[in-house]
Amino acid sequence: MEIKKLDKETSDKISFIAFIVPEFARAYKMNMQDAYFYLKKYGGMDYLNECWWALHIDNPFWAVRDMYKVCRSNGGLR
């Protein structure tokens, strides 16, 4: 069986998403599972996947706030 190694960009993207989802959960007083499903339902995860590079160089506060704005504009109520 061949083991494939992730390229650096994919590894960095996964690391950032694994960091920012708990930050979002903490900021909006949600558990991590609820935060993930909320982000998934209201477009926050799509936004993360598309814009992670720009978000990861910003302050986590602003990245979480941007994710909130995306979810809010897609019907999220938190």
PDB file of N, CA and C in Angstrom:
ATOM      1  N   MET A   1       0.848  -1.175   0.000  1.00  0.00           N
ATOM      2  CA  MET A   1       0.000   0.000   0.000  1.00  0.00           C
ATOM      3  C   MET A   1       0.897   1.243   0.000  1.00  0.00           C
ATOM      4  N   GLU A   2       0.572   2.173  -0.896  1.00  0.00           N
ATOM      5  CA  GLU A   2       1.349   3.405  -1.027  1.00  0.00           C
ATOM      6  C   GLU A   2       0.743   4.499  -0.153  1.00  0.00           C
ATOM      7  N   ILE A   3       1.580   5.157   0.619  1.00  0.00           N
ATOM      8  CA  ILE A   3       1.136   6.265   1.463  1.00  0.00           C
ATOM      9  C   ILE A   3       1.505   7.562   0.752  1.00  0.00           C
ATOM     10  N   LYS A   4       0.498   8.399   0.528  1.00  0.00           N
ATOM     11  CA  LYS A   4       0.743   9.670  -0.136  1.00  0.00           C
ATOM     12  C   LYS A   4       0.871  10.768   0.903  1.00  0.00           C
ATOM     13  N   LYS A   5       1.797  11.662   0.653  1.00  0.00           N
ATOM     14  CA  LYS A   5       2.019  12.782   1.544  1.00  0.00           C
ATOM     15  C   LYS A   5       1.284  14.007   0.993  1.00  0.00           C
ATOM     16  N   LEU A   6       0.648  14.759   1.882  1.00  0.00           N
ATOM     17  CA  LEU A   6      -0.045  15.971   1.469  1.00  0.00           C
ATOM     18  C   LEU A   6       0.955  17.045   1.067  1.00  0.00           C
ATOM     19  N   ASP A   7       0.588  17.830   0.052  1.00  0.00           N
ATOM     20  CA  ASP A   7       1.457  18.944  -0.307  1.00  0.00           C
ATOM     21  C   ASP A   7       1.325  20.028   0.773  1.00  0.00           C
ATOM     22  N   LYS A   8       2.251  20.951   0.786  1.00  0.00           N
ATOM     23  CA  LYS A   8       2.315  21.968   1.848  1.00  0.00           C
ATOM     24  C   LYS A   8       1.048  22.820   1.893  1.00  0.00           C
ATOM     25  N   GLU A   9       0.525  23.232   0.740  1.00  0.00           N
ATOM     26  CA  GLU A   9      -0.662  24.084   0.726  1.00  0.00           C
ATOM     27  C   GLU A   9      -1.878  23.372   1.318  1.00  0.00           C
ATOM     28  N   THR A  10      -2.067  22.118   0.966  1.00  0.00           N
ATOM     29  CA  THR A  10      -3.191  21.349   1.514  1.00  0.00           C
ATOM     30  C   THR A  10      -3.036  21.169   3.016  1.00  0.00           C
ATOM     31  N   SER A  11      -1.828  20.881   3.449  1.00  0.00           N
ATOM     32  CA  SER A  11      -1.554  20.723   4.870  1.00  0.00           C
ATOM     33  C   SER A  11      -1.815  22.022   5.629  1.00  0.00           C
ATOM     34  N   ASP A  12      -1.388  23.155   5.064  1.00  0.00           N
ATOM     35  CA  ASP A  12      -1.620  24.457   5.692  1.00  0.00           C
ATOM     36  C   ASP A  12      -3.112  24.783   5.757  1.00  0.00           C
ATOM     37  N   LYS A  13      -3.831  24.449   4.703  1.00  0.00           N
ATOM     38  CA  LYS A  13      -5.276  24.702   4.659  1.00  0.00           C
ATOM     39  C   LYS A  13      -5.997  23.900   5.739  1.00  0.00           C
ATOM     40  N   ILE A  14      -5.658  22.637   5.864  1.00  0.00           N
ATOM     41  CA  ILE A  14      -6.274  21.788   6.884  1.00  0.00           C
ATOM     42  C   ILE A  14      -5.954  22.318   8.273  1.00  0.00           C
ATOM     43  N   SER A  15      -4.721  22.712   8.492  1.00  0.00           N
ATOM     44  CA  SER A  15      -4.315  23.250   9.795  1.00  0.00           C
ATOM     45  C   SER A  15      -5.089  24.518  10.138  1.00  0.00           C
ATOM     46  N   PHE A  16      -5.266  25.396   9.156  1.00  0.00           N
ATOM     47  CA  PHE A  16      -5.997  26.630   9.411  1.00  0.00           C
ATOM     48  C   PHE A  16      -7.461  26.353   9.725  1.00  0.00           C
ATOM     49  N   ILE A  17      -8.090  25.487   8.954  1.00  0.00           N
ATOM     50  CA  ILE A  17      -9.497  25.164   9.201  1.00  0.00           C
ATOM     51  C   ILE A  17      -9.661  24.509  10.566  1.00  0.00           C
ATOM     52  N   ALA A  18      -8.728  23.626  10.928  1.00  0.00           N
ATOM     53  CA  ALA A  18      -8.774  22.980  12.242  1.00  0.00           C
ATOM     54  C   ALA A  18      -8.570  23.991  13.371  1.00  0.00           C
ATOM     55  N   PHE A  19      -7.907  25.090  13.092  1.00  0.00           N
ATOM     56  CA  PHE A  19      -7.706  26.141  14.085  1.00  0.00           C
ATOM     57  C   PHE A  19      -8.902  27.090  14.160  1.00  0.00           C
ATOM     58  N   ILE A  20      -9.446  27.493  13.005  1.00  0.00           N
ATOM     59  CA  ILE A  20     -10.423  28.582  12.984  1.00  0.00           C
ATOM     60  C   ILE A  20     -11.832  28.128  13.361  1.00  0.00           C
ATOM     61  N   VAL A  21     -12.202  26.893  13.096  1.00  0.00           N
ATOM     62  CA  VAL A  21     -13.552  26.428  13.482  1.00  0.00           C
ATOM     63  C   VAL A  21     -13.721  26.464  15.004  1.00  0.00           C
ATOM     64  N   PRO A  22     -12.761  25.972  15.795  1.00  0.00           N
ATOM     65  CA  PRO A  22     -12.898  26.117  17.251  1.00  0.00           C
ATOM     66  C   PRO A  22     -12.895  27.584  17.709  1.00  0.00           C
ATOM     67  N   GLU A  23     -12.160  28.438  17.008  1.00  0.00           N
ATOM     68  CA  GLU A  23     -12.179  29.866  17.338  1.00  0.00           C
ATOM     69  C   GLU A  23     -13.570  30.451  17.097  1.00  0.00           C
ATOM     70  N   PHE A  24     -14.191  30.055  16.001  1.00  0.00           N
ATOM     71  CA  PHE A  24     -15.558  30.496  15.701  1.00  0.00           C
ATOM     72  C   PHE A  24     -16.508  29.993  16.786  1.00  0.00           C
ATOM     73  N   ALA A  25     -16.368  28.731  17.155  1.00  0.00           N
ATOM     74  CA  ALA A  25     -17.224  28.136  18.196  1.00  0.00           C
ATOM     75  C   ALA A  25     -17.068  28.893  19.513  1.00  0.00           C
ATOM     76  N   ARG A  26     -15.843  29.197  19.878  1.00  0.00           N
ATOM     77  CA  ARG A  26     -15.575  29.912  21.131  1.00  0.00           C
ATOM     78  C   ARG A  26     -16.168  31.327  21.079  1.00  0.00           C
ATOM     79  N   ALA A  27     -15.996  32.001  19.958  1.00  0.00           N
ATOM     80  CA  ALA A  27     -16.480  33.381  19.829  1.00  0.00           C
ATOM     81  C   ALA A  27     -17.994  33.476  19.930  1.00  0.00           C
ATOM     82  N   TYR A  28     -18.688  32.485  19.412  1.00  0.00           N
ATOM     83  CA  TYR A  28     -20.152  32.533  19.399  1.00  0.00           C
ATOM     84  C   TYR A  28     -20.790  31.528  20.361  1.00  0.00           C
ATOM     85  N   LYS A  29     -19.977  31.075  21.333  1.00  0.00           N
ATOM     86  CA  LYS A  29     -20.448  30.224  22.429  1.00  0.00           C
ATOM     87  C   LYS A  29     -21.233  29.007  21.927  1.00  0.00           C
ATOM     88  N   MET A  30     -20.600  28.276  21.031  1.00  0.00           N
ATOM     89  CA  MET A  30     -21.161  27.061  20.459  1.00  0.00           C
ATOM     90  C   MET A  30     -20.187  25.919  20.741  1.00  0.00           C
ATOM     91  N   ASN A  31     -20.692  24.683  20.743  1.00  0.00           N
ATOM     92  CA  ASN A  31     -19.739  23.586  20.778  1.00  0.00           C
ATOM     93  C   ASN A  31     -19.205  23.394  19.359  1.00  0.00           C
ATOM     94  N   MET A  32     -18.125  22.658  19.210  1.00  0.00           N
ATOM     95  CA  MET A  32     -17.470  22.567  17.906  1.00  0.00           C
ATOM     96  C   MET A  32     -18.350  21.895  16.855  1.00  0.00           C
ATOM     97  N   GLN A  33     -19.109  20.896  17.254  1.00  0.00           N
ATOM     98  CA  GLN A  33     -19.972  20.221  16.290  1.00  0.00           C
ATOM     99  C   GLN A  33     -21.047  21.174  15.769  1.00  0.00           C
ATOM    100  N   ASP A  34     -21.676  21.919  16.661  1.00  0.00           N
ATOM    101  CA  ASP A  34     -22.688  22.891  16.238  1.00  0.00           C
ATOM    102  C   ASP A  34     -22.078  23.970  15.354  1.00  0.00           C
ATOM    103  N   ALA A  35     -20.884  24.413  15.692  1.00  0.00           N
ATOM    104  CA  ALA A  35     -20.210  25.439  14.893  1.00  0.00           C
ATOM    105  C   ALA A  35     -19.939  24.918  13.486  1.00  0.00           C
ATOM    106  N   TYR A  36     -19.448  23.689  13.391  1.00  0.00           N
ATOM    107  CA  TYR A  36     -19.181  23.110  12.074  1.00  0.00           C
ATOM    108  C   TYR A  36     -20.462  23.024  11.243  1.00  0.00           C
ATOM    109  N   PHE A  37     -21.533  22.490  11.830  1.00  0.00           N
ATOM    110  CA  PHE A  37     -22.783  22.350  11.081  1.00  0.00           C
ATOM    111  C   PHE A  37     -23.385  23.708  10.718  1.00  0.00           C
ATOM    112  N   TYR A  38     -23.243  24.684  11.590  1.00  0.00           N
ATOM    113  CA  TYR A  38     -23.705  26.037  11.302  1.00  0.00           C
ATOM    114  C   TYR A  38     -22.936  26.608  10.111  1.00  0.00           C
ATOM    115  N   LEU A  39     -21.617  26.490  10.162  1.00  0.00           N
ATOM    116  CA  LEU A  39     -20.784  26.996   9.065  1.00  0.00           C
ATOM    117  C   LEU A  39     -21.096  26.257   7.763  1.00  0.00           C
ATOM    118  N   LYS A  40     -21.310  24.969   7.852  1.00  0.00           N
ATOM    119  CA  LYS A  40     -21.635  24.174   6.666  1.00  0.00           C
ATOM    120  C   LYS A  40     -22.985  24.601   6.079  1.00  0.00           C
ATOM    121  N   LYS A  41     -23.973  24.774   6.933  1.00  0.00           N
ATOM    122  CA  LYS A  41     -25.330  25.099   6.487  1.00  0.00           C
ATOM    123  C   LYS A  41     -25.416  26.483   5.846  1.00  0.00           C
ATOM    124  N   TYR A  42     -24.702  27.452   6.395  1.00  0.00           N
ATOM    125  CA  TYR A  42     -24.845  28.838   5.953  1.00  0.00           C
ATOM    126  C   TYR A  42     -23.677  29.364   5.116  1.00  0.00           C
ATOM    127  N   GLY A  43     -22.883  28.476   4.551  1.00  0.00           N
ATOM    128  CA  GLY A  43     -21.854  28.885   3.596  1.00  0.00           C
ATOM    129  C   GLY A  43     -20.510  29.261   4.175  1.00  0.00           C
ATOM    130  N   GLY A  44     -20.359  29.171   5.476  1.00  0.00           N
ATOM    131  CA  GLY A  44     -19.080  29.520   6.094  1.00  0.00           C
ATOM    132  C   GLY A  44     -17.956  28.577   5.704  1.00  0.00           C
ATOM    133  N   MET A  45     -18.243  27.284   5.577  1.00  0.00           N
ATOM    134  CA  MET A  45     -17.208  26.325   5.189  1.00  0.00           C
ATOM    135  C   MET A  45     -16.804  26.524   3.724  1.00  0.00           C
ATOM    136  N   ASP A  46     -17.765  26.819   2.874  1.00  0.00           N
ATOM    137  CA  ASP A  46     -17.438  27.114   1.473  1.00  0.00           C
ATOM    138  C   ASP A  46     -16.536  28.341   1.401  1.00  0.00           C
ATOM    139  N   TYR A  47     -16.884  29.355   2.181  1.00  0.00           N
ATOM    140  CA  TYR A  47     -16.075  30.570   2.246  1.00  0.00           C
ATOM    141  C   TYR A  47     -14.660  30.254   2.738  1.00  0.00           C
ATOM    142  N   LEU A  48     -14.554  29.429   3.766  1.00  0.00           N
ATOM    143  CA  LEU A  48     -13.244  29.025   4.278  1.00  0.00           C
ATOM    144  C   LEU A  48     -12.431  28.304   3.215  1.00  0.00           C
ATOM    145  N   ASN A  49     -13.060  27.373   2.520  1.00  0.00           N
ATOM    146  CA  ASN A  49     -12.353  26.616   1.486  1.00  0.00           C
ATOM    147  C   ASN A  49     -11.879  27.506   0.354  1.00  0.00           C
ATOM    148  N   GLU A  50     -12.654  28.506  -0.003  1.00  0.00           N
ATOM    149  CA  GLU A  50     -12.291  29.385  -1.107  1.00  0.00           C
ATOM    150  C   GLU A  50     -11.299  30.477  -0.695  1.00  0.00           C
ATOM    151  N   CYS A  51     -11.434  30.993   0.516  1.00  0.00           N
ATOM    152  CA  CYS A  51     -10.673  32.190   0.927  1.00  0.00           C
ATOM    153  C   CYS A  51      -9.710  31.941   2.074  1.00  0.00           C
ATOM    154  N   TRP A  52      -9.377  30.708   2.359  1.00  0.00           N
ATOM    155  CA  TRP A  52      -8.558  30.419   3.528  1.00  0.00           C
ATOM    156  C   TRP A  52      -7.211  31.138   3.474  1.00  0.00           C
ATOM    157  N   TRP A  53      -6.640  31.282   2.280  1.00  0.00           N
ATOM    158  CA  TRP A  53      -5.321  31.900   2.177  1.00  0.00           C
ATOM    159  C   TRP A  53      -5.346  33.347   2.680  1.00  0.00           C
ATOM    160  N   ALA A  54      -6.354  34.102   2.273  1.00  0.00           N
ATOM    161  CA  ALA A  54      -6.464  35.495   2.729  1.00  0.00           C
ATOM    162  C   ALA A  54      -6.827  35.555   4.207  1.00  0.00           C
ATOM    163  N   LEU A  55      -7.686  34.657   4.662  1.00  0.00           N
ATOM    164  CA  LEU A  55      -8.115  34.666   6.059  1.00  0.00           C
ATOM    165  C   LEU A  55      -6.987  34.286   7.010  1.00  0.00           C
ATOM    166  N   HIS A  56      -6.131  33.381   6.604  1.00  0.00           N
ATOM    167  CA  HIS A  56      -5.117  32.891   7.545  1.00  0.00           C
ATOM    168  C   HIS A  56      -4.027  33.909   7.838  1.00  0.00           C
ATOM    169  N   ILE A  57      -3.886  34.923   7.000  1.00  0.00           N
ATOM    170  CA  ILE A  57      -2.862  35.935   7.284  1.00  0.00           C
ATOM    171  C   ILE A  57      -3.412  37.090   8.108  1.00  0.00           C
ATOM    172  N   ASP A  58      -4.723  37.076   8.327  1.00  0.00           N
ATOM    173  CA  ASP A  58      -5.366  38.129   9.107  1.00  0.00           C
ATOM    174  C   ASP A  58      -5.450  37.696  10.569  1.00  0.00           C
ATOM    175  N   ASN A  59      -5.793  38.625  11.414  1.00  0.00           N
ATOM    176  CA  ASN A  59      -6.034  38.344  12.819  1.00  0.00           C
ATOM    177  C   ASN A  59      -7.208  37.370  12.914  1.00  0.00           C
ATOM    178  N   PRO A  60      -7.120  36.334  13.752  1.00  0.00           N
ATOM    179  CA  PRO A  60      -8.235  35.379  13.870  1.00  0.00           C
ATOM    180  C   PRO A  60      -9.570  36.048  14.210  1.00  0.00           C
ATOM    181  N   PHE A  61      -9.547  37.152  14.966  1.00  0.00           N
ATOM    182  CA  PHE A  61     -10.785  37.857  15.285  1.00  0.00           C
ATOM    183  C   PHE A  61     -11.505  38.283  14.009  1.00  0.00           C
ATOM    184  N   TRP A  62     -10.751  38.850  13.059  1.00  0.00           N
ATOM    185  CA  TRP A  62     -11.356  39.334  11.824  1.00  0.00           C
ATOM    186  C   TRP A  62     -11.770  38.185  10.913  1.00  0.00           C
ATOM    187  N   ALA A  63     -11.019  37.115  10.922  1.00  0.00           N
ATOM    188  CA  ALA A  63     -11.397  35.944  10.122  1.00  0.00           C
ATOM    189  C   ALA A  63     -12.720  35.372  10.617  1.00  0.00           C
ATOM    190  N   VAL A  64     -12.860  35.250  11.934  1.00  0.00           N
ATOM    191  CA  VAL A  64     -14.111  34.753  12.521  1.00  0.00           C
ATOM    192  C   VAL A  64     -15.253  35.715  12.208  1.00  0.00           C
ATOM    193  N   ARG A  65     -14.989  36.988  12.300  1.00  0.00           N
ATOM    194  CA  ARG A  65     -16.016  38.000  12.005  1.00  0.00           C
ATOM    195  C   ARG A  65     -16.456  37.923  10.535  1.00  0.00           C
ATOM    196  N   ASP A  66     -15.511  37.735   9.627  1.00  0.00           N
ATOM    197  CA  ASP A  66     -15.855  37.586   8.208  1.00  0.00           C
ATOM    198  C   ASP A  66     -16.710  36.344   7.973  1.00  0.00           C
ATOM    199  N   MET A  67     -16.365  35.249   8.650  1.00  0.00           N
ATOM    200  CA  MET A  67     -17.163  34.026   8.522  1.00  0.00           C
ATOM    201  C   MET A  67     -18.575  34.256   9.038  1.00  0.00           C
ATOM    202  N   TYR A  68     -18.683  34.991  10.139  1.00  0.00           N
ATOM    203  CA  TYR A  68     -19.998  35.330  10.689  1.00  0.00           C
ATOM    204  C   TYR A  68     -20.820  36.122   9.674  1.00  0.00           C
ATOM    205  N   LYS A  69     -20.186  37.111   9.043  1.00  0.00           N
ATOM    206  CA  LYS A  69     -20.890  37.942   8.062  1.00  0.00           C
ATOM    207  C   LYS A  69     -21.392  37.111   6.882  1.00  0.00           C
ATOM    208  N   VAL A  70     -20.583  36.182   6.416  1.00  0.00           N
ATOM    209  CA  VAL A  70     -20.992  35.313   5.313  1.00  0.00           C
ATOM    210  C   VAL A  70     -22.198  34.476   5.731  1.00  0.00           C
ATOM    211  N   CYS A  71     -22.119  33.877   6.904  1.00  0.00           N
ATOM    212  CA  CYS A  71     -23.231  33.046   7.386  1.00  0.00           C
ATOM    213  C   CYS A  71     -24.489  33.887   7.593  1.00  0.00           C
ATOM    214  N   ARG A  72     -24.324  35.050   8.155  1.00  0.00           N
ATOM    215  CA  ARG A  72     -25.459  35.945   8.393  1.00  0.00           C
ATOM    216  C   ARG A  72     -26.140  36.338   7.074  1.00  0.00           C
ATOM    217  N   SER A  73     -25.352  36.608   6.051  1.00  0.00           N
ATOM    218  CA  SER A  73     -25.923  36.991   4.760  1.00  0.00           C
ATOM    219  C   SER A  73     -26.593  35.818   4.049  1.00  0.00           C
ATOM    220  N   ASN A  74     -26.298  34.609   4.501  1.00  0.00           N
ATOM    221  CA  ASN A  74     -26.927  33.411   3.943  1.00  0.00           C
ATOM    222  C   ASN A  74     -28.020  32.844   4.825  1.00  0.00           C
ATOM    223  N   GLY A  75     -28.492  33.628   5.791  1.00  0.00           N
ATOM    224  CA  GLY A  75     -29.624  33.216   6.620  1.00  0.00           C
ATOM    225  C   GLY A  75     -29.294  32.770   8.024  1.00  0.00           C
ATOM    226  N   GLY A  76     -28.028  32.757   8.397  1.00  0.00           N
ATOM    227  CA  GLY A  76     -27.641  32.373   9.756  1.00  0.00           C
ATOM    228  C   GLY A  76     -28.101  33.414  10.769  1.00  0.00           C
ATOM    229  N   LEU A  77     -28.510  32.983  11.939  1.00  0.00           N
ATOM    230  CA  LEU A  77     -29.098  33.902  12.908  1.00  0.00           C
ATOM    231  C   LEU A  77     -28.202  34.204  14.100  1.00  0.00           C
ATOM    232  N   ARG A  78     -27.093  33.514  14.268  1.00  0.00           N
ATOM    233  CA  ARG A  78     -26.237  33.762  15.428  1.00  0.00           C
ATOM    234  C   ARG A  78     -25.430  35.000  15.243  1.00  0.00           C
TER     235      ARG A  78
END
